[in-house]
Amino acid sequence: MRHRRSPARWLAPLAIVACAFAVYTVVNATLLSSDDAGRTGSAAQERTSTTKTTAKKSKRRGARRRRAYTVKSGDTLSSIAVKTGVSLERIQRLNPDLDSNSLQTGQRVKLSP
């Protein structure tokens, strides 16, 4: 009498392939969402720090407004807008030659004319 092979012999490799695909999908989705977070996360970051920027604005009203900002490591145009209280659109309008993807540490960004 011949023994019938167990289905585990072909189910185990299939399960390993399925797990590998699931891990790849999760890691890929996480990497893609972290890339998008750099673009859209600034809006979420701006929402959470609205109270902070409002407090900063009220402190700065009596003080002289800064005319320029020096880029620090890790800065983006949206983070500069949040830090300084100047809208992103205004920064882009005042700095038409500025490329947001190639900001350099030490670079000067105009905040007012």
Protein backbone atom coordinates (compact mmCIF):
# COMPACT_ATOMS: atom_id res chain seq x y z
CA MET A 1 0.00 0.00 0.00
CA ARG A 2 1.37 3.37 -1.00
CA HIS A 3 1.36 6.28 1.49
CA ARG A 4 -0.34 9.40 0.39
CA ARG A 5 1.84 12.51 0.61
CA SER A 6 0.87 15.10 3.15
CA PRO A 7 -0.51 18.40 1.77
CA ALA A 8 1.92 20.15 4.12
CA ARG A 9 4.71 19.33 1.64
CA TRP A 10 3.32 21.82 -0.85
CA LEU A 11 1.41 24.11 1.55
CA ALA A 12 4.52 25.06 3.56
CA PRO A 13 6.44 26.61 0.63
CA LEU A 14 3.24 28.32 -0.51
CA ALA A 15 2.79 29.81 2.98
CA ILE A 16 6.41 31.05 2.97
CA VAL A 17 5.89 32.77 -0.39
CA ALA A 18 2.63 34.32 0.86
CA CYS A 19 4.34 35.63 4.01
CA ALA A 20 7.22 37.06 2.00
CA PHE A 21 4.74 38.85 -0.28
CA ALA A 22 2.85 40.24 2.73
CA VAL A 23 6.06 41.56 4.31
CA TYR A 24 7.13 43.14 1.01
CA THR A 25 3.72 44.82 0.63
CA VAL A 26 3.76 46.26 4.15
CA VAL A 27 7.35 47.52 3.88
CA ASN A 28 6.71 49.04 0.44
CA ALA A 29 3.53 50.77 1.63
CA THR A 30 5.37 52.12 4.68
CA LEU A 31 8.18 53.51 2.54
CA LEU A 32 5.74 55.11 0.11
CA SER A 33 3.69 56.65 2.92
CA SER A 34 6.84 58.04 4.56
CA ASP A 35 7.74 59.71 1.23
CA ASP A 36 4.23 61.17 1.03
CA ALA A 37 4.46 62.23 4.66
CA GLY A 38 7.25 64.57 3.72
CA ARG A 39 4.90 66.26 1.29
CA THR A 40 1.56 66.01 3.10
CA GLY A 41 2.87 65.63 6.63
CA SER A 42 3.74 69.28 6.66
CA ALA A 43 0.02 70.08 6.48
CA ALA A 44 -0.67 67.79 9.43
CA GLN A 45 2.31 69.26 11.25
CA GLU A 46 1.00 72.73 10.52
CA ARG A 47 -2.40 71.84 11.99
CA THR A 48 -0.86 70.54 15.21
CA SER A 49 1.39 73.54 15.63
CA THR A 50 -1.22 76.21 14.84
CA THR A 51 -1.50 77.09 18.50
CA LYS A 52 2.27 77.39 18.80
CA THR A 53 2.57 79.65 15.76
CA THR A 54 -0.29 81.83 16.98
CA ALA A 55 1.56 82.32 20.25
CA LYS A 56 4.78 83.09 18.38
CA LYS A 57 2.99 85.59 16.15
CA SER A 58 1.56 87.46 19.11
CA LYS A 59 5.04 87.69 20.67
CA ARG A 60 6.52 88.93 17.40
CA ARG A 61 3.96 91.63 16.69
CA GLY A 62 5.83 94.15 18.81
CA ALA A 63 9.20 93.01 17.52
CA ARG A 64 10.73 93.84 14.15
CA ARG A 65 9.88 91.33 11.43
CA ARG A 66 12.70 89.30 9.98
CA ARG A 67 13.41 89.92 6.34
CA ALA A 68 15.29 86.66 5.68
CA TYR A 69 15.72 83.17 7.11
CA THR A 70 18.90 81.10 7.06
CA VAL A 71 18.20 77.47 6.16
CA LYS A 72 19.18 74.91 8.78
CA SER A 73 19.77 71.20 8.32
CA GLY A 74 16.50 69.34 7.75
CA ASP A 75 14.48 72.44 6.86
CA THR A 76 11.83 72.34 4.16
CA LEU A 77 9.90 75.28 2.75
CA SER A 78 6.81 74.24 4.68
CA SER A 79 8.74 73.95 7.95
CA ILE A 80 10.26 77.39 7.34
CA ALA A 81 6.75 78.74 6.76
CA VAL A 82 5.58 77.24 10.06
CA LYS A 83 8.64 78.47 11.99
CA THR A 84 8.46 82.02 10.67
CA GLY A 85 4.72 82.46 10.35
CA VAL A 86 5.06 83.47 6.69
CA SER A 87 2.82 81.58 4.29
CA LEU A 88 4.37 79.05 1.94
CA GLU A 89 2.87 80.86 -1.05
CA ARG A 90 4.49 84.14 0.00
CA ILE A 91 7.90 82.50 0.44
CA GLN A 92 7.61 80.97 -3.03
CA ARG A 93 6.52 84.31 -4.51
CA LEU A 94 9.43 86.19 -2.90
CA ASN A 95 11.94 83.50 -3.94
CA PRO A 96 10.99 82.47 -7.50
CA ASP A 97 14.41 80.89 -8.19
CA LEU A 98 14.27 78.80 -5.01
CA ASP A 99 13.96 75.05 -5.58
CA SER A 100 12.28 73.41 -2.59
CA ASN A 101 13.97 70.07 -3.37
CA SER A 102 17.48 71.46 -3.22
CA LEU A 103 17.57 73.68 -0.12
CA GLN A 104 21.11 73.98 1.23
CA THR A 105 22.17 74.62 4.81
CA GLY A 106 23.16 78.28 5.16
CA GLN A 107 21.08 79.39 2.17
CA ARG A 108 19.13 82.65 2.70
CA VAL A 109 15.38 82.71 2.07
CA LYS A 110 13.58 86.06 1.73
CA LEU A 111 10.59 86.45 4.05
CA SER A 112 9.62 90.01 3.14
CA PRO A 113 10.45 92.39 0.29
